[in-house]
Amino acid sequence: MTYLGLGLVFVAACLVVAVVTGVRRREPHFAASVAITAAVLVALTIVFDSLMVASDLFRYDAATLVGVRIWLTPVEDLAWPVAAALLLPSVWVLLGPARRPADEAREVDRVG
C-alpha cells in the first residue's frame, strides 16, 4: 500500500465518524469547528514539515510519493491533519453531554 493509500483509508474512516456524529448529534457549530480545525492543522503541517525537510531532518522516498508538494510538504502528509480534524471534534462531541430535547426547545425560544 502506498503512503497516499494509507492516508486515504484513515481519512475515510474519520470521515465516517464525523458524518455519523454530525447526523446523530446535530451540534450547531460542528461543521465550522471541523473546518477551522482542518485549516489550522493543515497550515501548521505545511509550515513545520517544510521546515523539517529544509533542515534535512528527514527525507521521503520519491518512489512512494505522488510527487505533488506544497512548499516542501508532500500532499500525502496532509492526510493526517485532515483525519485529525475530522476525528477530534467528533470525539469531543460524542464524549460530551448529550443535548436533551428540552434544552433544544429552550434554545429555540431564546433565539426566536
PDB file of N, CA and C in Angstrom:
ATOM      1  N   MET A   1       0.844  -1.176   0.000  1.00  0.00           N
ATOM      2  CA  MET A   1       0.000   0.000   0.000  1.00  0.00           C
ATOM      3  C   MET A   1       0.891   1.242   0.000  1.00  0.00           C
ATOM      4  N   THR A   2       0.511   2.236  -0.790  1.00  0.00           N
ATOM      5  CA  THR A   2       1.285   3.469  -0.849  1.00  0.00           C
ATOM      6  C   THR A   2       0.966   4.357   0.346  1.00  0.00           C
ATOM      7  N   TYR A   3       1.804   5.345   0.530  1.00  0.00           N
ATOM      8  CA  TYR A   3       1.605   6.294   1.616  1.00  0.00           C
ATOM      9  C   TYR A   3       0.283   7.045   1.437  1.00  0.00           C
ATOM     10  N   LEU A   4      -0.035   7.405   0.201  1.00  0.00           N
ATOM     11  CA  LEU A   4      -1.298   8.086  -0.085  1.00  0.00           C
ATOM     12  C   LEU A   4      -2.491   7.171   0.199  1.00  0.00           C
ATOM     13  N   GLY A   5      -2.390   5.901  -0.186  1.00  0.00           N
ATOM     14  CA  GLY A   5      -3.478   4.953   0.068  1.00  0.00           C
ATOM     15  C   GLY A   5      -3.742   4.776   1.550  1.00  0.00           C
ATOM     16  N   LEU A   6      -2.692   4.665   2.332  1.00  0.00           N
ATOM     17  CA  LEU A   6      -2.843   4.524   3.775  1.00  0.00           C
ATOM     18  C   LEU A   6      -3.498   5.761   4.381  1.00  0.00           C
ATOM     19  N   GLY A   7      -3.071   6.922   3.941  1.00  0.00           N
ATOM     20  CA  GLY A   7      -3.664   8.163   4.436  1.00  0.00           C
ATOM     21  C   GLY A   7      -5.133   8.274   4.087  1.00  0.00           C
ATOM     22  N   LEU A   8      -5.487   7.871   2.866  1.00  0.00           N
ATOM     23  CA  LEU A   8      -6.886   7.944   2.445  1.00  0.00           C
ATOM     24  C   LEU A   8      -7.778   6.976   3.225  1.00  0.00           C
ATOM     25  N   VAL A   9      -7.241   5.822   3.597  1.00  0.00           N
ATOM     26  CA  VAL A   9      -8.007   4.878   4.423  1.00  0.00           C
ATOM     27  C   VAL A   9      -8.336   5.512   5.767  1.00  0.00           C
ATOM     28  N   PHE A  10      -7.359   6.156   6.392  1.00  0.00           N
ATOM     29  CA  PHE A  10      -7.599   6.808   7.673  1.00  0.00           C
ATOM     30  C   PHE A  10      -8.553   7.982   7.544  1.00  0.00           C
ATOM     31  N   VAL A  11      -8.405   8.777   6.495  1.00  0.00           N
ATOM     32  CA  VAL A  11      -9.306   9.912   6.288  1.00  0.00           C
ATOM     33  C   VAL A  11     -10.735   9.412   6.075  1.00  0.00           C
ATOM     34  N   ALA A  12     -10.898   8.344   5.308  1.00  0.00           N
ATOM     35  CA  ALA A  12     -12.241   7.793   5.070  1.00  0.00           C
ATOM     36  C   ALA A  12     -12.875   7.302   6.368  1.00  0.00           C
ATOM     37  N   ALA A  13     -12.099   6.619   7.199  1.00  0.00           N
ATOM     38  CA  ALA A  13     -12.638   6.138   8.477  1.00  0.00           C
ATOM     39  C   ALA A  13     -13.031   7.306   9.381  1.00  0.00           C
ATOM     40  N   CYS A  14     -12.202   8.342   9.425  1.00  0.00           N
ATOM     41  CA  CYS A  14     -12.517   9.513  10.252  1.00  0.00           C
ATOM     42  C   CYS A  14     -13.703  10.290   9.681  1.00  0.00           C
ATOM     43  N   LEU A  15     -13.841  10.300   8.367  1.00  0.00           N
ATOM     44  CA  LEU A  15     -14.979  10.960   7.733  1.00  0.00           C
ATOM     45  C   LEU A  15     -16.286  10.267   8.111  1.00  0.00           C
ATOM     46  N   VAL A  16     -16.268   8.943   8.158  1.00  0.00           N
ATOM     47  CA  VAL A  16     -17.469   8.199   8.570  1.00  0.00           C
ATOM     48  C   VAL A  16     -17.858   8.584  10.002  1.00  0.00           C
ATOM     49  N   VAL A  17     -16.881   8.640  10.896  1.00  0.00           N
ATOM     50  CA  VAL A  17     -17.163   9.019  12.287  1.00  0.00           C
ATOM     51  C   VAL A  17     -17.715  10.439  12.349  1.00  0.00           C
ATOM     52  N   ALA A  18     -17.139  11.359  11.583  1.00  0.00           N
ATOM     53  CA  ALA A  18     -17.596  12.749  11.596  1.00  0.00           C
ATOM     54  C   ALA A  18     -19.015  12.887  11.044  1.00  0.00           C
ATOM     55  N   VAL A  19     -19.318  12.183   9.975  1.00  0.00           N
ATOM     56  CA  VAL A  19     -20.662  12.260   9.386  1.00  0.00           C
ATOM     57  C   VAL A  19     -21.693  11.687  10.348  1.00  0.00           C
ATOM     58  N   VAL A  20     -21.387  10.544  10.938  1.00  0.00           N
ATOM     59  CA  VAL A  20     -22.321   9.940  11.892  1.00  0.00           C
ATOM     60  C   VAL A  20     -22.523  10.869  13.085  1.00  0.00           C
ATOM     61  N   THR A  21     -21.456  11.472  13.569  1.00  0.00           N
ATOM     62  CA  THR A  21     -21.564  12.405  14.690  1.00  0.00           C
ATOM     63  C   THR A  21     -22.416  13.605  14.307  1.00  0.00           C
ATOM     64  N   GLY A  22     -22.165  14.173  13.147  1.00  0.00           N
ATOM     65  CA  GLY A  22     -22.931  15.332  12.704  1.00  0.00           C
ATOM     66  C   GLY A  22     -24.403  15.035  12.525  1.00  0.00           C
ATOM     67  N   VAL A  23     -24.726  13.852  12.020  1.00  0.00           N
ATOM     68  CA  VAL A  23     -26.127  13.489  11.788  1.00  0.00           C
ATOM     69  C   VAL A  23     -26.836  13.159  13.108  1.00  0.00           C
ATOM     70  N   ARG A  24     -26.171  12.425  13.978  1.00  0.00           N
ATOM     71  CA  ARG A  24     -26.821  11.973  15.213  1.00  0.00           C
ATOM     72  C   ARG A  24     -26.903  13.047  16.281  1.00  0.00           C
ATOM     73  N   ARG A  25     -25.887  13.881  16.391  1.00  0.00           N
ATOM     74  CA  ARG A  25     -25.862  14.856  17.482  1.00  0.00           C
ATOM     75  C   ARG A  25     -26.416  16.226  17.097  1.00  0.00           C
ATOM     76  N   ARG A  26     -26.335  16.588  15.841  1.00  0.00           N
ATOM     77  CA  ARG A  26     -26.837  17.871  15.339  1.00  0.00           C
ATOM     78  C   ARG A  26     -26.350  19.059  16.172  1.00  0.00           C
ATOM     79  N   GLU A  27     -25.062  19.089  16.395  1.00  0.00           N
ATOM     80  CA  GLU A  27     -24.460  20.218  17.106  1.00  0.00           C
ATOM     81  C   GLU A  27     -24.475  21.431  16.177  1.00  0.00           C
ATOM     82  N   PRO A  28     -24.782  22.606  16.696  1.00  0.00           N
ATOM     83  CA  PRO A  28     -24.962  23.773  15.827  1.00  0.00           C
ATOM     84  C   PRO A  28     -23.707  24.220  15.078  1.00  0.00           C
ATOM     85  N   HIS A  29     -22.554  24.094  15.677  1.00  0.00           N
ATOM     86  CA  HIS A  29     -21.342  24.599  15.042  1.00  0.00           C
ATOM     87  C   HIS A  29     -20.348  23.486  14.736  1.00  0.00           C
ATOM     88  N   PHE A  30     -20.820  22.275  14.562  1.00  0.00           N
ATOM     89  CA  PHE A  30     -19.931  21.135  14.356  1.00  0.00           C
ATOM     90  C   PHE A  30     -19.136  21.263  13.063  1.00  0.00           C
ATOM     91  N   ALA A  31     -19.793  21.578  11.963  1.00  0.00           N
ATOM     92  CA  ALA A  31     -19.100  21.686  10.673  1.00  0.00           C
ATOM     93  C   ALA A  31     -18.068  22.811  10.702  1.00  0.00           C
ATOM     94  N   ALA A  32     -18.407  23.907  11.343  1.00  0.00           N
ATOM     95  CA  ALA A  32     -17.466  25.025  11.439  1.00  0.00           C
ATOM     96  C   ALA A  32     -16.247  24.640  12.266  1.00  0.00           C
ATOM     97  N   SER A  33     -16.464  23.913  13.342  1.00  0.00           N
ATOM     98  CA  SER A  33     -15.318  23.514  14.172  1.00  0.00           C
ATOM     99  C   SER A  33     -14.408  22.553  13.418  1.00  0.00           C
ATOM    100  N   VAL A  34     -14.977  21.670  12.622  1.00  0.00           N
ATOM    101  CA  VAL A  34     -14.163  20.759  11.813  1.00  0.00           C
ATOM    102  C   VAL A  34     -13.377  21.553  10.760  1.00  0.00           C
ATOM    103  N   ALA A  35     -14.016  22.498  10.108  1.00  0.00           N
ATOM    104  CA  ALA A  35     -13.353  23.278   9.062  1.00  0.00           C
ATOM    105  C   ALA A  35     -12.219  24.138   9.629  1.00  0.00           C
ATOM    106  N   ILE A  36     -12.462  24.782  10.764  1.00  0.00           N
ATOM    107  CA  ILE A  36     -11.430  25.621  11.378  1.00  0.00           C
ATOM    108  C   ILE A  36     -10.261  24.759  11.850  1.00  0.00           C
ATOM    109  N   THR A  37     -10.575  23.628  12.482  1.00  0.00           N
ATOM    110  CA  THR A  37      -9.528  22.717  12.930  1.00  0.00           C
ATOM    111  C   THR A  37      -8.695  22.227  11.754  1.00  0.00           C
ATOM    112  N   ALA A  38      -9.346  21.865  10.657  1.00  0.00           N
ATOM    113  CA  ALA A  38      -8.633  21.381   9.472  1.00  0.00           C
ATOM    114  C   ALA A  38      -7.728  22.466   8.903  1.00  0.00           C
ATOM    115  N   ALA A  39      -8.229  23.679   8.795  1.00  0.00           N
ATOM    116  CA  ALA A  39      -7.434  24.769   8.227  1.00  0.00           C
ATOM    117  C   ALA A  39      -6.182  25.039   9.064  1.00  0.00           C
ATOM    118  N   VAL A  40      -6.346  25.078  10.374  1.00  0.00           N
ATOM    119  CA  VAL A  40      -5.202  25.351  11.251  1.00  0.00           C
ATOM    120  C   VAL A  40      -4.191  24.210  11.188  1.00  0.00           C
ATOM    121  N   LEU A  41      -4.658  22.971  11.290  1.00  0.00           N
ATOM    122  CA  LEU A  41      -3.740  21.831  11.285  1.00  0.00           C
ATOM    123  C   LEU A  41      -3.020  21.660   9.949  1.00  0.00           C
ATOM    124  N   VAL A  42      -3.718  21.873   8.851  1.00  0.00           N
ATOM    125  CA  VAL A  42      -3.075  21.768   7.536  1.00  0.00           C
ATOM    126  C   VAL A  42      -2.016  22.864   7.370  1.00  0.00           C
ATOM    127  N   ALA A  43      -2.342  24.086   7.774  1.00  0.00           N
ATOM    128  CA  ALA A  43      -1.374  25.180   7.668  1.00  0.00           C
ATOM    129  C   ALA A  43      -0.135  24.898   8.513  1.00  0.00           C
ATOM    130  N   LEU A  44      -0.336  24.452   9.741  1.00  0.00           N
ATOM    131  CA  LEU A  44       0.805  24.141  10.611  1.00  0.00           C
ATOM    132  C   LEU A  44       1.628  22.979  10.065  1.00  0.00           C
ATOM    133  N   THR A  45       0.957  21.981   9.505  1.00  0.00           N
ATOM    134  CA  THR A  45       1.673  20.845   8.929  1.00  0.00           C
ATOM    135  C   THR A  45       2.532  21.278   7.753  1.00  0.00           C
ATOM    136  N   ILE A  46       1.988  22.118   6.892  1.00  0.00           N
ATOM    137  CA  ILE A  46       2.751  22.597   5.735  1.00  0.00           C
ATOM    138  C   ILE A  46       3.995  23.360   6.198  1.00  0.00           C
ATOM    139  N   VAL A  47       3.815  24.245   7.154  1.00  0.00           N
ATOM    140  CA  VAL A  47       4.945  25.050   7.621  1.00  0.00           C
ATOM    141  C   VAL A  47       6.001  24.180   8.289  1.00  0.00           C
ATOM    142  N   PHE A  48       5.602  23.381   9.271  1.00  0.00           N
ATOM    143  CA  PHE A  48       6.600  22.648  10.044  1.00  0.00           C
ATOM    144  C   PHE A  48       7.204  21.469   9.275  1.00  0.00           C
ATOM    145  N   ASP A  49       6.420  20.771   8.446  1.00  0.00           N
ATOM    146  CA  ASP A  49       7.009  19.724   7.609  1.00  0.00           C
ATOM    147  C   ASP A  49       8.026  20.319   6.639  1.00  0.00           C
ATOM    148  N   SER A  50       7.681  21.457   6.055  1.00  0.00           N
ATOM    149  CA  SER A  50       8.599  22.094   5.116  1.00  0.00           C
ATOM    150  C   SER A  50       9.889  22.519   5.811  1.00  0.00           C
ATOM    151  N   LEU A  51       9.775  23.056   7.006  1.00  0.00           N
ATOM    152  CA  LEU A  51      10.972  23.437   7.756  1.00  0.00           C
ATOM    153  C   LEU A  51      11.826  22.218   8.105  1.00  0.00           C
ATOM    154  N   MET A  52      11.185  21.117   8.461  1.00  0.00           N
ATOM    155  CA  MET A  52      11.948  19.908   8.794  1.00  0.00           C
ATOM    156  C   MET A  52      12.617  19.313   7.562  1.00  0.00           C
ATOM    157  N   VAL A  53      11.929  19.349   6.429  1.00  0.00           N
ATOM    158  CA  VAL A  53      12.543  18.845   5.192  1.00  0.00           C
ATOM    159  C   VAL A  53      13.690  19.768   4.787  1.00  0.00           C
ATOM    160  N   ALA A  54      13.482  21.069   4.890  1.00  0.00           N
ATOM    161  CA  ALA A  54      14.522  22.029   4.511  1.00  0.00           C
ATOM    162  C   ALA A  54      15.761  21.886   5.391  1.00  0.00           C
ATOM    163  N   SER A  55      15.573  21.562   6.653  1.00  0.00           N
ATOM    164  CA  SER A  55      16.730  21.407   7.553  1.00  0.00           C
ATOM    165  C   SER A  55      17.316  20.004   7.483  1.00  0.00           C
ATOM    166  N   ASP A  56      16.762  19.174   6.601  1.00  0.00           N
ATOM    167  CA  ASP A  56      17.260  17.825   6.341  1.00  0.00           C
ATOM    168  C   ASP A  56      17.146  16.900   7.569  1.00  0.00           C
ATOM    169  N   LEU A  57      16.089  17.101   8.346  1.00  0.00           N
ATOM    170  CA  LEU A  57      15.836  16.197   9.476  1.00  0.00           C
ATOM    171  C   LEU A  57      15.373  14.834   8.990  1.00  0.00           C
ATOM    172  N   PHE A  58      14.677  14.806   7.859  1.00  0.00           N
ATOM    173  CA  PHE A  58      14.265  13.540   7.257  1.00  0.00           C
ATOM    174  C   PHE A  58      14.064  13.741   5.771  1.00  0.00           C
ATOM    175  N   ARG A  59      13.999  12.627   5.055  1.00  0.00           N
ATOM    176  CA  ARG A  59      13.775  12.637   3.606  1.00  0.00           C
ATOM    177  C   ARG A  59      12.683  11.643   3.271  1.00  0.00           C
ATOM    178  N   TYR A  60      12.028  11.896   2.160  1.00  0.00           N
ATOM    179  CA  TYR A  60      10.997  10.997   1.668  1.00  0.00           C
ATOM    180  C   TYR A  60      11.541  10.191   0.506  1.00  0.00           C
ATOM    181  N   ASP A  61      11.133   8.939   0.409  1.00  0.00           N
ATOM    182  CA  ASP A  61      11.474   8.113  -0.739  1.00  0.00           C
ATOM    183  C   ASP A  61      10.584   8.548  -1.897  1.00  0.00           C
ATOM    184  N   ALA A  62      11.163   9.081  -2.930  1.00  0.00           N
ATOM    185  CA  ALA A  62      10.399   9.620  -4.058  1.00  0.00           C
ATOM    186  C   ALA A  62       9.517   8.565  -4.719  1.00  0.00           C
ATOM    187  N   ALA A  63       9.886   7.302  -4.629  1.00  0.00           N
ATOM    188  CA  ALA A  63       9.094   6.244  -5.265  1.00  0.00           C
ATOM    189  C   ALA A  63       7.749   6.026  -4.565  1.00  0.00           C
ATOM    190  N   THR A  64       7.628   6.425  -3.311  1.00  0.00           N
ATOM    191  CA  THR A  64       6.382   6.201  -2.572  1.00  0.00           C
ATOM    192  C   THR A  64       5.481   7.427  -2.555  1.00  0.00           C
ATOM    193  N   LEU A  65       5.913   8.506  -3.199  1.00  0.00           N
ATOM    194  CA  LEU A  65       5.150   9.751  -3.193  1.00  0.00           C
ATOM    195  C   LEU A  65       4.483   9.998  -4.541  1.00  0.00           C
ATOM    196  N   VAL A  66       3.406  10.753  -4.512  1.00  0.00           N
ATOM    197  CA  VAL A  66       2.710  11.141  -5.737  1.00  0.00           C
ATOM    198  C   VAL A  66       3.547  12.146  -6.517  1.00  0.00           C
ATOM    199  N   GLY A  67       4.244  13.016  -5.803  1.00  0.00           N
ATOM    200  CA  GLY A  67       5.099  14.000  -6.450  1.00  0.00           C
ATOM    201  C   GLY A  67       4.626  15.428  -6.284  1.00  0.00           C
ATOM    202  N   VAL A  68       3.384  15.624  -5.875  1.00  0.00           N
ATOM    203  CA  VAL A  68       2.851  16.969  -5.663  1.00  0.00           C
ATOM    204  C   VAL A  68       3.275  17.443  -4.274  1.00  0.00           C
ATOM    205  N   ARG A  69       3.797  18.656  -4.227  1.00  0.00           N
ATOM    206  CA  ARG A  69       4.242  19.226  -2.949  1.00  0.00           C
ATOM    207  C   ARG A  69       3.650  20.614  -2.776  1.00  0.00           C
ATOM    208  N   ILE A  70       3.380  20.951  -1.533  1.00  0.00           N
ATOM    209  CA  ILE A  70       3.005  22.315  -1.175  1.00  0.00           C
ATOM    210  C   ILE A  70       4.161  22.818  -0.330  1.00  0.00           C
ATOM    211  N   TRP A  71       4.864  23.801  -0.859  1.00  0.00           N
ATOM    212  CA  TRP A  71       6.154  24.231  -0.354  1.00  0.00           C
ATOM    213  C   TRP A  71       7.056  23.018  -0.412  1.00  0.00           C
ATOM    214  N   LEU A  72       7.513  22.446   0.685  1.00  0.00           N
ATOM    215  CA  LEU A  72       8.308  21.226   0.618  1.00  0.00           C
ATOM    216  C   LEU A  72       7.557  20.012   1.153  1.00  0.00           C
ATOM    217  N   THR A  73       6.298  20.200   1.523  1.00  0.00           N
ATOM    218  CA  THR A  73       5.490  19.137   2.128  1.00  0.00           C
ATOM    219  C   THR A  73       4.786  18.317   1.059  1.00  0.00           C
ATOM    220  N   PRO A  74       4.991  17.004   1.033  1.00  0.00           N
ATOM    221  CA  PRO A  74       4.235  16.163   0.092  1.00  0.00           C
ATOM    222  C   PRO A  74       2.750  16.159   0.474  1.00  0.00           C
ATOM    223  N   VAL A  75       1.884  16.128  -0.521  1.00  0.00           N
ATOM    224  CA  VAL A  75       0.446  16.161  -0.234  1.00  0.00           C
ATOM    225  C   VAL A  75       0.007  14.961   0.603  1.00  0.00           C
ATOM    226  N   GLU A  76       0.727  13.870   0.535  1.00  0.00           N
ATOM    227  CA  GLU A  76       0.371  12.691   1.328  1.00  0.00           C
ATOM    228  C   GLU A  76       0.415  12.991   2.824  1.00  0.00           C
ATOM    229  N   ASP A  77       1.281  13.896   3.230  1.00  0.00           N
ATOM    230  CA  ASP A  77       1.380  14.245   4.650  1.00  0.00           C
ATOM    231  C   ASP A  77       0.173  15.027   5.148  1.00  0.00           C
ATOM    232  N   LEU A  78      -0.607  15.585   4.255  1.00  0.00           N
ATOM    233  CA  LEU A  78      -1.765  16.372   4.673  1.00  0.00           C
ATOM    234  C   LEU A  78      -2.964  15.503   5.037  1.00  0.00           C
ATOM    235  N   ALA A  79      -2.886  14.210   4.757  1.00  0.00           N
ATOM    236  CA  ALA A  79      -3.983  13.315   5.139  1.00  0.00           C
ATOM    237  C   ALA A  79      -4.109  13.227   6.655  1.00  0.00           C
ATOM    238  N   TRP A  80      -3.000  13.279   7.368  1.00  0.00           N
ATOM    239  CA  TRP A  80      -3.037  13.098   8.821  1.00  0.00           C
ATOM    240  C   TRP A  80      -3.688  14.268   9.541  1.00  0.00           C
ATOM    241  N   PRO A  81      -3.383  15.530   9.213  1.00  0.00           N
ATOM    242  CA  PRO A  81      -4.109  16.612   9.875  1.00  0.00           C
ATOM    243  C   PRO A  81      -5.585  16.655   9.484  1.00  0.00           C
ATOM    244  N   VAL A  82      -5.900  16.260   8.250  1.00  0.00           N
ATOM    245  CA  VAL A  82      -7.312  16.213   7.854  1.00  0.00           C
ATOM    246  C   VAL A  82      -8.042  15.131   8.657  1.00  0.00           C
ATOM    247  N   ALA A  83      -7.413  13.983   8.818  1.00  0.00           N
ATOM    248  CA  ALA A  83      -8.021  12.913   9.627  1.00  0.00           C
ATOM    249  C   ALA A  83      -8.208  13.370  11.068  1.00  0.00           C
ATOM    250  N   ALA A  84      -7.212  14.045  11.616  1.00  0.00           N
ATOM    251  CA  ALA A  84      -7.320  14.543  12.987  1.00  0.00           C
ATOM    252  C   ALA A  84      -8.416  15.595  13.099  1.00  0.00           C
ATOM    253  N   ALA A  85      -8.535  16.451  12.092  1.00  0.00           N
ATOM    254  CA  ALA A  85      -9.564  17.492  12.119  1.00  0.00           C
ATOM    255  C   ALA A  85     -10.968  16.903  12.035  1.00  0.00           C
ATOM    256  N   LEU A  86     -11.112  15.783  11.390  1.00  0.00           N
ATOM    257  CA  LEU A  86     -12.408  15.103  11.333  1.00  0.00           C
ATOM    258  C   LEU A  86     -12.698  14.345  12.626  1.00  0.00           C
ATOM    259  N   LEU A  87     -11.681  13.697  13.158  1.00  0.00           N
ATOM    260  CA  LEU A  87     -11.891  12.807  14.300  1.00  0.00           C
ATOM    261  C   LEU A  87     -11.965  13.538  15.640  1.00  0.00           C
ATOM    262  N   LEU A  88     -11.092  14.498  15.889  1.00  0.00           N
ATOM    263  CA  LEU A  88     -11.040  15.121  17.211  1.00  0.00           C
ATOM    264  C   LEU A  88     -12.305  15.887  17.592  1.00  0.00           C
ATOM    265  N   PRO A  89     -12.875  16.728  16.734  1.00  0.00           N
ATOM    266  CA  PRO A  89     -14.147  17.354  17.114  1.00  0.00           C
ATOM    267  C   PRO A  89     -15.274  16.320  17.266  1.00  0.00           C
ATOM    268  N   SER A  90     -15.215  15.256  16.494  1.00  0.00           N
ATOM    269  CA  SER A  90     -16.231  14.205  16.615  1.00  0.00           C
ATOM    270  C   SER A  90     -16.155  13.530  17.975  1.00  0.00           C
ATOM    271  N   VAL A  91     -14.958  13.194  18.397  1.00  0.00           N
ATOM    272  CA  VAL A  91     -14.775  12.568  19.705  1.00  0.00           C
ATOM    273  C   VAL A  91     -15.196  13.531  20.811  1.00  0.00           C
ATOM    274  N   TRP A  92     -14.867  14.808  20.662  1.00  0.00           N
ATOM    275  CA  TRP A  92     -15.253  15.818  21.643  1.00  0.00           C
ATOM    276  C   TRP A  92     -16.775  15.863  21.803  1.00  0.00           C
ATOM    277  N   VAL A  93     -17.487  15.884  20.685  1.00  0.00           N
ATOM    278  CA  VAL A  93     -18.952  15.934  20.732  1.00  0.00           C
ATOM    279  C   VAL A  93     -19.518  14.630  21.284  1.00  0.00           C
ATOM    280  N   LEU A  94     -18.982  13.503  20.857  1.00  0.00           N
ATOM    281  CA  LEU A  94     -19.508  12.212  21.308  1.00  0.00           C
ATOM    282  C   LEU A  94     -19.264  11.973  22.791  1.00  0.00           C
ATOM    283  N   LEU A  95     -18.166  12.464  23.329  1.00  0.00           N
ATOM    284  CA  LEU A  95     -17.874  12.267  24.749  1.00  0.00           C
ATOM    285  C   LEU A  95     -18.508  13.324  25.640  1.00  0.00           C
ATOM    286  N   GLY A  96     -19.000  14.400  25.026  1.00  0.00           N
ATOM    287  CA  GLY A  96     -19.653  15.462  25.793  1.00  0.00           C
ATOM    288  C   GLY A  96     -21.064  15.063  26.176  1.00  0.00           C
ATOM    289  N   PRO A  97     -21.703  15.900  26.971  1.00  0.00           N
ATOM    290  CA  PRO A  97     -23.075  15.599  27.382  1.00  0.00           C
ATOM    291  C   PRO A  97     -24.031  15.662  26.190  1.00  0.00           C
ATOM    292  N   ALA A  98     -24.978  14.774  26.184  1.00  0.00           N
ATOM    293  CA  ALA A  98     -25.976  14.745  25.106  1.00  0.00           C
ATOM    294  C   ALA A  98     -26.957  15.895  25.301  1.00  0.00           C
ATOM    295  N   ARG A  99     -27.365  16.486  24.197  1.00  0.00           N
ATOM    296  CA  ARG A  99     -28.368  17.556  24.270  1.00  0.00           C
ATOM    297  C   ARG A  99     -29.736  16.919  24.390  1.00  0.00           C
ATOM    298  N   ARG A 100     -30.515  17.397  25.330  1.00  0.00           N
ATOM    299  CA  ARG A 100     -31.867  16.870  25.516  1.00  0.00           C
ATOM    300  C   ARG A 100     -32.849  17.722  24.730  1.00  0.00           C
ATOM    301  N   PRO A 101     -33.998  17.147  24.344  1.00  0.00           N
ATOM    302  CA  PRO A 101     -34.993  17.925  23.599  1.00  0.00           C
ATOM    303  C   PRO A 101     -35.431  19.188  24.343  1.00  0.00           C
ATOM    304  N   ALA A 102     -35.505  19.132  25.675  1.00  0.00           N
ATOM    305  CA  ALA A 102     -35.890  20.310  26.445  1.00  0.00           C
ATOM    306  C   ALA A 102     -34.865  21.429  26.290  1.00  0.00           C
ATOM    307  N   ASP A 103     -33.577  21.070  26.220  1.00  0.00           N
ATOM    308  CA  ASP A 103     -32.524  22.070  26.021  1.00  0.00           C
ATOM    309  C   ASP A 103     -32.663  22.726  24.656  1.00  0.00           C
ATOM    310  N   GLU A 104     -32.973  21.932  23.651  1.00  0.00           N
ATOM    311  CA  GLU A 104     -33.133  22.472  22.296  1.00  0.00           C
ATOM    312  C   GLU A 104     -34.330  23.400  22.218  1.00  0.00           C
ATOM    313  N   ALA A 105     -35.442  23.028  22.870  1.00  0.00           N
ATOM    314  CA  ALA A 105     -36.635  23.877  22.851  1.00  0.00           C
ATOM    315  C   ALA A 105     -36.348  25.213  23.555  1.00  0.00           C
ATOM    316  N   ARG A 106     -35.604  25.146  24.661  1.00  0.00           N
ATOM    317  CA  ARG A 106     -35.252  26.374  25.387  1.00  0.00           C
ATOM    318  C   ARG A 106     -34.347  27.251  24.530  1.00  0.00           C
ATOM    319  N   GLU A 107     -33.451  26.655  23.777  1.00  0.00           N
ATOM    320  CA  GLU A 107     -32.555  27.422  22.916  1.00  0.00           C
ATOM    321  C   GLU A 107     -33.328  28.085  21.783  1.00  0.00           C
ATOM    322  N   VAL A 108     -34.300  27.394  21.211  1.00  0.00           N
ATOM    323  CA  VAL A 108     -35.121  27.951  20.142  1.00  0.00           C
ATOM    324  C   VAL A 108     -35.934  29.133  20.683  1.00  0.00           C
ATOM    325  N   ASP A 109     -36.497  29.005  21.889  1.00  0.00           N
ATOM    326  CA  ASP A 109     -37.256  30.104  22.486  1.00  0.00           C
ATOM    327  C   ASP A 109     -36.381  31.316  22.728  1.00  0.00           C
ATOM    328  N   ARG A 110     -35.169  31.077  23.164  1.00  0.00           N
ATOM    329  CA  ARG A 110     -34.248  32.174  23.463  1.00  0.00           C
ATOM    330  C   ARG A 110     -33.832  32.892  22.188  1.00  0.00           C
ATOM    331  N   VAL A 111     -33.553  32.136  21.115  1.00  0.00           N
ATOM    332  CA  VAL A 111     -33.104  32.723  19.848  1.00  0.00           C
ATOM    333  C   VAL A 111     -34.273  33.366  19.104  1.00  0.00           C
ATOM    334  N   GLY A 112     -35.398  32.674  19.058  1.00  0.00           N
ATOM    335  CA  GLY A 112     -36.556  33.104  18.259  1.00  0.00           C
ATOM    336  C   GLY A 112     -37.300  34.183  18.907  1.00  0.00           C
TER     337      GLY A 112
END
